[in-house]
Amino acid sequence: IAEKTVRLAITLTKVTGRGLLAALKAGIKTLRVSN
């Protein structure tokens, strides 16, 4: 159970990290377009 919980936490961290990176890239792109 502990091992499964750790795996789930690592997977969620990767997903949110990727989501955060994608959101930052989109934000930078819209700033460039508006400028």
PDB file of all heavy atoms in Angstrom:
ATOM      1  N   ILE A   1       0.839  -1.201   0.000  1.00  0.00           N
ATOM      2  CA  ILE A   1       0.000   0.000   0.000  1.00  0.00           C
ATOM      3  C   ILE A   1       0.874   1.251   0.000  1.00  0.00           C
ATOM      4  O   ILE A   1       0.627   2.207  -0.725  1.00  0.00           O
ATOM      5  CB  ILE A   1      -0.958  -0.004   1.205  1.00  0.00           C
ATOM      6  CG1 ILE A   1      -1.966  -1.162   1.077  1.00  0.00           C
ATOM      7  CG2 ILE A   1      -1.691   1.323   1.332  1.00  0.00           C
ATOM      8  CD1 ILE A   1      -2.844  -1.360   2.279  1.00  0.00           C
ATOM      9  N   ALA A   2       1.927   1.216   0.774  1.00  0.00           N
ATOM     10  CA  ALA A   2       2.843   2.361   0.826  1.00  0.00           C
ATOM     11  C   ALA A   2       3.525   2.564  -0.529  1.00  0.00           C
ATOM     12  O   ALA A   2       3.684   3.701  -1.009  1.00  0.00           O
ATOM     13  CB  ALA A   2       3.880   2.145   1.936  1.00  0.00           C
ATOM     14  N   GLU A   3       3.944   1.459  -1.155  1.00  0.00           N
ATOM     15  CA  GLU A   3       4.596   1.535  -2.466  1.00  0.00           C
ATOM     16  C   GLU A   3       3.636   2.092  -3.527  1.00  0.00           C
ATOM     17  O   GLU A   3       4.009   2.957  -4.333  1.00  0.00           O
ATOM     18  CB  GLU A   3       5.093   0.146  -2.862  1.00  0.00           C
ATOM     19  CG  GLU A   3       5.996   0.168  -4.078  1.00  0.00           C
ATOM     20  CD  GLU A   3       6.519  -1.233  -4.383  1.00  0.00           C
ATOM     21  OE1 GLU A   3       6.753  -2.027  -3.448  1.00  0.00           O
ATOM     22  OE2 GLU A   3       6.686  -1.500  -5.581  1.00  0.00           O
ATOM     23  N   LYS A   4       2.387   1.630  -3.526  1.00  0.00           N
ATOM     24  CA  LYS A   4       1.388   2.129  -4.480  1.00  0.00           C
ATOM     25  C   LYS A   4       1.104   3.616  -4.250  1.00  0.00           C
ATOM     26  O   LYS A   4       0.938   4.389  -5.188  1.00  0.00           O
ATOM     27  CB  LYS A   4       0.093   1.318  -4.381  1.00  0.00           C
ATOM     28  CG  LYS A   4       0.191  -0.051  -4.964  1.00  0.00           C
ATOM     29  CD  LYS A   4      -1.142  -0.780  -4.867  1.00  0.00           C
ATOM     30  CE  LYS A   4      -1.034  -2.187  -5.449  1.00  0.00           C
ATOM     31  NZ  LYS A   4      -2.292  -2.908  -5.351  1.00  0.00           N
ATOM     32  N   THR A   5       1.045   4.020  -2.997  1.00  0.00           N
ATOM     33  CA  THR A   5       0.802   5.420  -2.663  1.00  0.00           C
ATOM     34  C   THR A   5       1.944   6.303  -3.155  1.00  0.00           C
ATOM     35  O   THR A   5       1.725   7.387  -3.709  1.00  0.00           O
ATOM     36  CB  THR A   5       0.639   5.582  -1.133  1.00  0.00           C
ATOM     37  OG1 THR A   5      -0.349   4.674  -0.676  1.00  0.00           O
ATOM     38  CG2 THR A   5       0.253   6.998  -0.778  1.00  0.00           C
ATOM     39  N   VAL A   6       3.173   5.857  -2.998  1.00  0.00           N
ATOM     40  CA  VAL A   6       4.341   6.617  -3.462  1.00  0.00           C
ATOM     41  C   VAL A   6       4.319   6.726  -4.983  1.00  0.00           C
ATOM     42  O   VAL A   6       4.572   7.791  -5.549  1.00  0.00           O
ATOM     43  CB  VAL A   6       5.656   5.972  -2.949  1.00  0.00           C
ATOM     44  CG1 VAL A   6       6.873   6.588  -3.619  1.00  0.00           C
ATOM     45  CG2 VAL A   6       5.747   6.101  -1.443  1.00  0.00           C
ATOM     46  N   ARG A   7       4.020   5.636  -5.680  1.00  0.00           N
ATOM     47  CA  ARG A   7       3.933   5.654  -7.160  1.00  0.00           C
ATOM     48  C   ARG A   7       2.862   6.643  -7.637  1.00  0.00           C
ATOM     49  O   ARG A   7       3.057   7.385  -8.579  1.00  0.00           O
ATOM     50  CB  ARG A   7       3.612   4.254  -7.691  1.00  0.00           C
ATOM     51  CG  ARG A   7       4.786   3.358  -7.723  1.00  0.00           C
ATOM     52  CD  ARG A   7       4.426   2.086  -8.461  1.00  0.00           C
ATOM     53  NE  ARG A   7       5.366   1.044  -8.058  1.00  0.00           N
ATOM     54  CZ  ARG A   7       5.138  -0.239  -8.158  1.00  0.00           C
ATOM     55  NH1 ARG A   7       3.987  -0.672  -8.630  1.00  0.00           N
ATOM     56  NH2 ARG A   7       6.049  -1.113  -7.796  1.00  0.00           N
ATOM     57  N   LEU A   8       1.710   6.616  -6.967  1.00  0.00           N
ATOM     58  CA  LEU A   8       0.619   7.527  -7.323  1.00  0.00           C
ATOM     59  C   LEU A   8       1.031   8.985  -7.108  1.00  0.00           C
ATOM     60  O   LEU A   8       0.766   9.846  -7.961  1.00  0.00           O
ATOM     61  CB  LEU A   8      -0.632   7.201  -6.486  1.00  0.00           C
ATOM     62  CG  LEU A   8      -1.863   8.068  -6.757  1.00  0.00           C
ATOM     63  CD1 LEU A   8      -2.370   7.825  -8.170  1.00  0.00           C
ATOM     64  CD2 LEU A   8      -2.952   7.767  -5.756  1.00  0.00           C
ATOM     65  N   ALA A   9       1.714   9.270  -6.041  1.00  0.00           N
ATOM     66  CA  ALA A   9       2.173  10.635  -5.767  1.00  0.00           C
ATOM     67  C   ALA A   9       3.182  11.093  -6.814  1.00  0.00           C
ATOM     68  O   ALA A   9       3.144  12.236  -7.290  1.00  0.00           O
ATOM     69  CB  ALA A   9       2.783  10.711  -4.364  1.00  0.00           C
ATOM     70  N   ILE A  10       4.089  10.208  -7.206  1.00  0.00           N
ATOM     71  CA  ILE A  10       5.092  10.550  -8.234  1.00  0.00           C
ATOM     72  C   ILE A  10       4.402  10.808  -9.568  1.00  0.00           C
ATOM     73  O   ILE A  10       4.713  11.777 -10.271  1.00  0.00           O
ATOM     74  CB  ILE A  10       6.151   9.430  -8.339  1.00  0.00           C
ATOM     75  CG1 ILE A  10       7.008   9.403  -7.070  1.00  0.00           C
ATOM     76  CG2 ILE A  10       7.024   9.631  -9.561  1.00  0.00           C
ATOM     77  CD1 ILE A  10       7.948   8.205  -6.992  1.00  0.00           C
ATOM     78  N   THR A  11       3.447   9.975  -9.959  1.00  0.00           N
ATOM     79  CA  THR A  11       2.722  10.139 -11.225  1.00  0.00           C
ATOM     80  C   THR A  11       1.954  11.458 -11.242  1.00  0.00           C
ATOM     81  O   THR A  11       1.980  12.188 -12.240  1.00  0.00           O
ATOM     82  CB  THR A  11       1.747   8.963 -11.438  1.00  0.00           C
ATOM     83  OG1 THR A  11       2.464   7.737 -11.315  1.00  0.00           O
ATOM     84  CG2 THR A  11       1.101   9.045 -12.805  1.00  0.00           C
ATOM     85  N   LEU A  12       1.270  11.770 -10.154  1.00  0.00           N
ATOM     86  CA  LEU A  12       0.516  13.028 -10.084  1.00  0.00           C
ATOM     87  C   LEU A  12       1.438  14.239 -10.148  1.00  0.00           C
ATOM     88  O   LEU A  12       1.103  15.251 -10.755  1.00  0.00           O
ATOM     89  CB  LEU A  12      -0.337  13.063  -8.809  1.00  0.00           C
ATOM     90  CG  LEU A  12      -1.537  12.126  -8.774  1.00  0.00           C
ATOM     91  CD1 LEU A  12      -2.219  12.184  -7.411  1.00  0.00           C
ATOM     92  CD2 LEU A  12      -2.515  12.501  -9.869  1.00  0.00           C
ATOM     93  N   THR A  13       2.595  14.137  -9.550  1.00  0.00           N
ATOM     94  CA  THR A  13       3.564  15.237  -9.582  1.00  0.00           C
ATOM     95  C   THR A  13       4.039  15.467 -11.007  1.00  0.00           C
ATOM     96  O   THR A  13       4.165  16.609 -11.456  1.00  0.00           O
ATOM     97  CB  THR A  13       4.763  14.938  -8.667  1.00  0.00           C
ATOM     98  OG1 THR A  13       4.288  14.638  -7.366  1.00  0.00           O
ATOM     99  CG2 THR A  13       5.710  16.109  -8.618  1.00  0.00           C
ATOM    100  N   LYS A  14       4.287  14.395 -11.755  1.00  0.00           N
ATOM    101  CA  LYS A  14       4.719  14.525 -13.154  1.00  0.00           C
ATOM    102  C   LYS A  14       3.632  15.188 -13.991  1.00  0.00           C
ATOM    103  O   LYS A  14       3.896  16.069 -14.793  1.00  0.00           O
ATOM    104  CB  LYS A  14       5.059  13.157 -13.737  1.00  0.00           C
ATOM    105  CG  LYS A  14       6.365  12.597 -13.264  1.00  0.00           C
ATOM    106  CD  LYS A  14       6.630  11.261 -13.927  1.00  0.00           C
ATOM    107  CE  LYS A  14       7.913  10.634 -13.424  1.00  0.00           C
ATOM    108  NZ  LYS A  14       8.133   9.319 -14.038  1.00  0.00           N
ATOM    109  N   VAL A  15       2.396  14.772 -13.795  1.00  0.00           N
ATOM    110  CA  VAL A  15       1.280  15.318 -14.567  1.00  0.00           C
ATOM    111  C   VAL A  15       1.097  16.798 -14.263  1.00  0.00           C
ATOM    112  O   VAL A  15       0.975  17.615 -15.163  1.00  0.00           O
ATOM    113  CB  VAL A  15      -0.021  14.524 -14.285  1.00  0.00           C
ATOM    114  CG1 VAL A  15      -1.212  15.215 -14.890  1.00  0.00           C
ATOM    115  CG2 VAL A  15       0.109  13.120 -14.824  1.00  0.00           C
ATOM    116  N   THR A  16       1.096  17.165 -12.999  1.00  0.00           N
ATOM    117  CA  THR A  16       0.896  18.576 -12.660  1.00  0.00           C
ATOM    118  C   THR A  16       2.097  19.414 -13.099  1.00  0.00           C
ATOM    119  O   THR A  16       1.945  20.558 -13.476  1.00  0.00           O
ATOM    120  CB  THR A  16       0.638  18.750 -11.149  1.00  0.00           C
ATOM    121  OG1 THR A  16       1.702  18.143 -10.418  1.00  0.00           O
ATOM    122  CG2 THR A  16      -0.687  18.170 -10.743  1.00  0.00           C
ATOM    123  N   GLY A  17       3.285  18.849 -13.050  1.00  0.00           N
ATOM    124  CA  GLY A  17       4.471  19.558 -13.533  1.00  0.00           C
ATOM    125  C   GLY A  17       4.378  19.835 -15.021  1.00  0.00           C
ATOM    126  O   GLY A  17       4.664  20.944 -15.492  1.00  0.00           O
ATOM    127  N   ARG A  18       3.937  18.835 -15.775  1.00  0.00           N
ATOM    128  CA  ARG A  18       3.764  19.005 -17.224  1.00  0.00           C
ATOM    129  C   ARG A  18       2.652  20.023 -17.520  1.00  0.00           C
ATOM    130  O   ARG A  18       2.771  20.849 -18.416  1.00  0.00           O
ATOM    131  CB  ARG A  18       3.425  17.670 -17.877  1.00  0.00           C
ATOM    132  CG  ARG A  18       4.577  16.732 -17.939  1.00  0.00           C
ATOM    133  CD  ARG A  18       4.203  15.443 -18.633  1.00  0.00           C
ATOM    134  NE  ARG A  18       5.260  14.462 -18.452  1.00  0.00           N
ATOM    135  CZ  ARG A  18       5.059  13.175 -18.301  1.00  0.00           C
ATOM    136  NH1 ARG A  18       3.826  12.683 -18.298  1.00  0.00           N
ATOM    137  NH2 ARG A  18       6.071  12.354 -18.149  1.00  0.00           N
ATOM    138  N   GLY A  19       1.586  19.930 -16.747  1.00  0.00           N
ATOM    139  CA  GLY A  19       0.478  20.879 -16.932  1.00  0.00           C
ATOM    140  C   GLY A  19       0.909  22.303 -16.633  1.00  0.00           C
ATOM    141  O   GLY A  19       0.565  23.239 -17.354  1.00  0.00           O
ATOM    142  N   LEU A  20       1.681  22.460 -15.570  1.00  0.00           N
ATOM    143  CA  LEU A  20       2.182  23.781 -15.209  1.00  0.00           C
ATOM    144  C   LEU A  20       3.115  24.322 -16.277  1.00  0.00           C
ATOM    145  O   LEU A  20       3.024  25.499 -16.662  1.00  0.00           O
ATOM    146  CB  LEU A  20       2.908  23.707 -13.852  1.00  0.00           C
ATOM    147  CG  LEU A  20       3.460  25.013 -13.306  1.00  0.00           C
ATOM    148  CD1 LEU A  20       2.312  25.996 -13.047  1.00  0.00           C
ATOM    149  CD2 LEU A  20       4.249  24.768 -12.036  1.00  0.00           C
ATOM    150  N   LEU A  21       3.984  23.467 -16.804  1.00  0.00           N
ATOM    151  CA  LEU A  21       4.898  23.885 -17.869  1.00  0.00           C
ATOM    152  C   LEU A  21       4.125  24.288 -19.129  1.00  0.00           C
ATOM    153  O   LEU A  21       4.431  25.306 -19.750  1.00  0.00           O
ATOM    154  CB  LEU A  21       5.878  22.751 -18.180  1.00  0.00           C
ATOM    155  CG  LEU A  21       6.948  23.046 -19.217  1.00  0.00           C
ATOM    156  CD1 LEU A  21       7.860  24.161 -18.712  1.00  0.00           C
ATOM    157  CD2 LEU A  21       7.746  21.802 -19.529  1.00  0.00           C
ATOM    158  N   ALA A  22       3.108  23.513 -19.480  1.00  0.00           N
ATOM    159  CA  ALA A  22       2.291  23.846 -20.661  1.00  0.00           C
ATOM    160  C   ALA A  22       1.554  25.168 -20.461  1.00  0.00           C
ATOM    161  O   ALA A  22       1.464  25.983 -21.381  1.00  0.00           O
ATOM    162  CB  ALA A  22       1.294  22.726 -20.935  1.00  0.00           C
ATOM    163  N   ALA A  23       1.040  25.396 -19.258  1.00  0.00           N
ATOM    164  CA  ALA A  23       0.330  26.644 -18.978  1.00  0.00           C
ATOM    165  C   ALA A  23       1.282  27.839 -19.062  1.00  0.00           C
ATOM    166  O   ALA A  23       0.927  28.891 -19.604  1.00  0.00           O
ATOM    167  CB  ALA A  23      -0.317  26.580 -17.601  1.00  0.00           C
ATOM    168  N   LEU A  24       2.489  27.689 -18.539  1.00  0.00           N
ATOM    169  CA  LEU A  24       3.482  28.772 -18.624  1.00  0.00           C
ATOM    170  C   LEU A  24       3.860  29.069 -20.072  1.00  0.00           C
ATOM    171  O   LEU A  24       3.977  30.229 -20.476  1.00  0.00           O
ATOM    172  CB  LEU A  24       4.731  28.415 -17.808  1.00  0.00           C
ATOM    173  CG  LEU A  24       4.575  28.474 -16.287  1.00  0.00           C
ATOM    174  CD1 LEU A  24       5.829  27.941 -15.604  1.00  0.00           C
ATOM    175  CD2 LEU A  24       4.295  29.894 -15.847  1.00  0.00           C
ATOM    176  N   LYS A  25       4.051  28.027 -20.865  1.00  0.00           N
ATOM    177  CA  LYS A  25       4.381  28.224 -22.288  1.00  0.00           C
ATOM    178  C   LYS A  25       3.251  28.954 -23.010  1.00  0.00           C
ATOM    179  O   LYS A  25       3.485  29.852 -23.814  1.00  0.00           O
ATOM    180  CB  LYS A  25       4.644  26.881 -22.966  1.00  0.00           C
ATOM    181  CG  LYS A  25       5.990  26.303 -22.649  1.00  0.00           C
ATOM    182  CD  LYS A  25       6.211  25.001 -23.400  1.00  0.00           C
ATOM    183  CE  LYS A  25       7.573  24.412 -23.090  1.00  0.00           C
ATOM    184  NZ  LYS A  25       7.790  23.133 -23.800  1.00  0.00           N
ATOM    185  N   ALA A  26       2.007  28.571 -22.730  1.00  0.00           N
ATOM    186  CA  ALA A  26       0.859  29.232 -23.362  1.00  0.00           C
ATOM    187  C   ALA A  26       0.780  30.694 -22.939  1.00  0.00           C
ATOM    188  O   ALA A  26       0.488  31.572 -23.753  1.00  0.00           O
ATOM    189  CB  ALA A  26      -0.434  28.497 -23.009  1.00  0.00           C
ATOM    190  N   GLY A  27       1.037  30.966 -21.669  1.00  0.00           N
ATOM    191  CA  GLY A  27       1.017  32.352 -21.182  1.00  0.00           C
ATOM    192  C   GLY A  27       2.074  33.205 -21.852  1.00  0.00           C
ATOM    193  O   GLY A  27       1.818  34.346 -22.249  1.00  0.00           O
ATOM    194  N   ILE A  28       3.274  32.666 -21.994  1.00  0.00           N
ATOM    195  CA  ILE A  28       4.362  33.406 -22.654  1.00  0.00           C
ATOM    196  C   ILE A  28       4.015  33.656 -24.114  1.00  0.00           C
ATOM    197  O   ILE A  28       4.258  34.740 -24.649  1.00  0.00           O
ATOM    198  CB  ILE A  28       5.685  32.639 -22.515  1.00  0.00           C
ATOM    199  CG1 ILE A  28       6.155  32.687 -21.062  1.00  0.00           C
ATOM    200  CG2 ILE A  28       6.752  33.209 -23.430  1.00  0.00           C
ATOM    201  CD1 ILE A  28       7.325  31.771 -20.763  1.00  0.00           C
ATOM    202  N   LYS A  29       3.412  32.664 -24.758  1.00  0.00           N
ATOM    203  CA  LYS A  29       3.042  32.814 -26.169  1.00  0.00           C
ATOM    204  C   LYS A  29       2.005  33.917 -26.357  1.00  0.00           C
ATOM    205  O   LYS A  29       2.115  34.727 -27.270  1.00  0.00           O
ATOM    206  CB  LYS A  29       2.499  31.488 -26.696  1.00  0.00           C
ATOM    207  CG  LYS A  29       2.263  31.466 -28.176  1.00  0.00           C
ATOM    208  CD  LYS A  29       1.821  30.087 -28.642  1.00  0.00           C
ATOM    209  CE  LYS A  29       1.649  30.057 -30.134  1.00  0.00           C
ATOM    210  NZ  LYS A  29       1.227  28.730 -30.611  1.00  0.00           N
ATOM    211  N   THR A  30       1.008  33.985 -25.476  1.00  0.00           N
ATOM    212  CA  THR A  30      -0.007  35.037 -25.607  1.00  0.00           C
ATOM    213  C   THR A  30       0.589  36.415 -25.332  1.00  0.00           C
ATOM    214  O   THR A  30       0.188  37.392 -25.953  1.00  0.00           O
ATOM    215  CB  THR A  30      -1.187  34.804 -24.646  1.00  0.00           C
ATOM    216  OG1 THR A  30      -0.694  34.692 -23.311  1.00  0.00           O
ATOM    217  CG2 THR A  30      -1.973  33.566 -25.022  1.00  0.00           C
ATOM    218  N   LEU A  31       1.547  36.500 -24.427  1.00  0.00           N
ATOM    219  CA  LEU A  31       2.213  37.787 -24.190  1.00  0.00           C
ATOM    220  C   LEU A  31       2.977  38.247 -25.418  1.00  0.00           C
ATOM    221  O   LEU A  31       2.945  39.420 -25.776  1.00  0.00           O
ATOM    222  CB  LEU A  31       3.163  37.687 -22.991  1.00  0.00           C
ATOM    223  CG  LEU A  31       2.519  37.660 -21.616  1.00  0.00           C
ATOM    224  CD1 LEU A  31       3.569  37.426 -20.545  1.00  0.00           C
ATOM    225  CD2 LEU A  31       1.779  38.956 -21.364  1.00  0.00           C
ATOM    226  N   ARG A  32       3.652  37.324 -26.077  1.00  0.00           N
ATOM    227  CA  ARG A  32       4.392  37.678 -27.299  1.00  0.00           C
ATOM    228  C   ARG A  32       3.448  38.152 -28.392  1.00  0.00           C
ATOM    229  O   ARG A  32       3.708  39.134 -29.068  1.00  0.00           O
ATOM    230  CB  ARG A  32       5.188  36.481 -27.796  1.00  0.00           C
ATOM    231  CG  ARG A  32       6.428  36.219 -27.021  1.00  0.00           C
ATOM    232  CD  ARG A  32       7.205  35.101 -27.640  1.00  0.00           C
ATOM    233  NE  ARG A  32       8.313  34.711 -26.790  1.00  0.00           N
ATOM    234  CZ  ARG A  32       8.922  33.553 -26.873  1.00  0.00           C
ATOM    235  NH1 ARG A  32       8.543  32.650 -27.764  1.00  0.00           N
ATOM    236  NH2 ARG A  32       9.925  33.276 -26.071  1.00  0.00           N
ATOM    237  N   VAL A  33       2.340  37.438 -28.567  1.00  0.00           N
ATOM    238  CA  VAL A  33       1.370  37.809 -29.606  1.00  0.00           C
ATOM    239  C   VAL A  33       0.782  39.175 -29.318  1.00  0.00           C
ATOM    240  O   VAL A  33       0.666  40.016 -30.213  1.00  0.00           O
ATOM    241  CB  VAL A  33       0.255  36.734 -29.719  1.00  0.00           C
ATOM    242  CG1 VAL A  33      -0.877  37.209 -30.587  1.00  0.00           C
ATOM    243  CG2 VAL A  33       0.840  35.447 -30.260  1.00  0.00           C
ATOM    244  N   SER A  34       0.430  39.452 -28.057  1.00  0.00           N
ATOM    245  CA  SER A  34      -0.173  40.745 -27.738  1.00  0.00           C
ATOM    246  C   SER A  34       0.835  41.871 -27.906  1.00  0.00           C
ATOM    247  O   SER A  34       0.483  42.970 -28.308  1.00  0.00           O
ATOM    248  CB  SER A  34      -0.744  40.745 -26.324  1.00  0.00           C
ATOM    249  OG  SER A  34       0.293  40.603 -25.377  1.00  0.00           O
ATOM    250  N   ASN A  35       2.108  41.631 -27.613  1.00  0.00           N
ATOM    251  CA  ASN A  35       3.130  42.655 -27.821  1.00  0.00           C
ATOM    252  C   ASN A  35       3.385  42.894 -29.297  1.00  0.00           C
ATOM    253  O   ASN A  35       3.672  44.012 -29.714  1.00  0.00           O
ATOM    254  CB  ASN A  35       4.445  42.259 -27.127  1.00  0.00           C
ATOM    255  CG  ASN A  35       4.364  42.420 -25.632  1.00  0.00           C
ATOM    256  OD1 ASN A  35       3.513  43.140 -25.141  1.00  0.00           O
ATOM    257  ND2 ASN A  35       5.237  41.737 -24.908  1.00  0.00           N
TER     258      ASN A  35
END
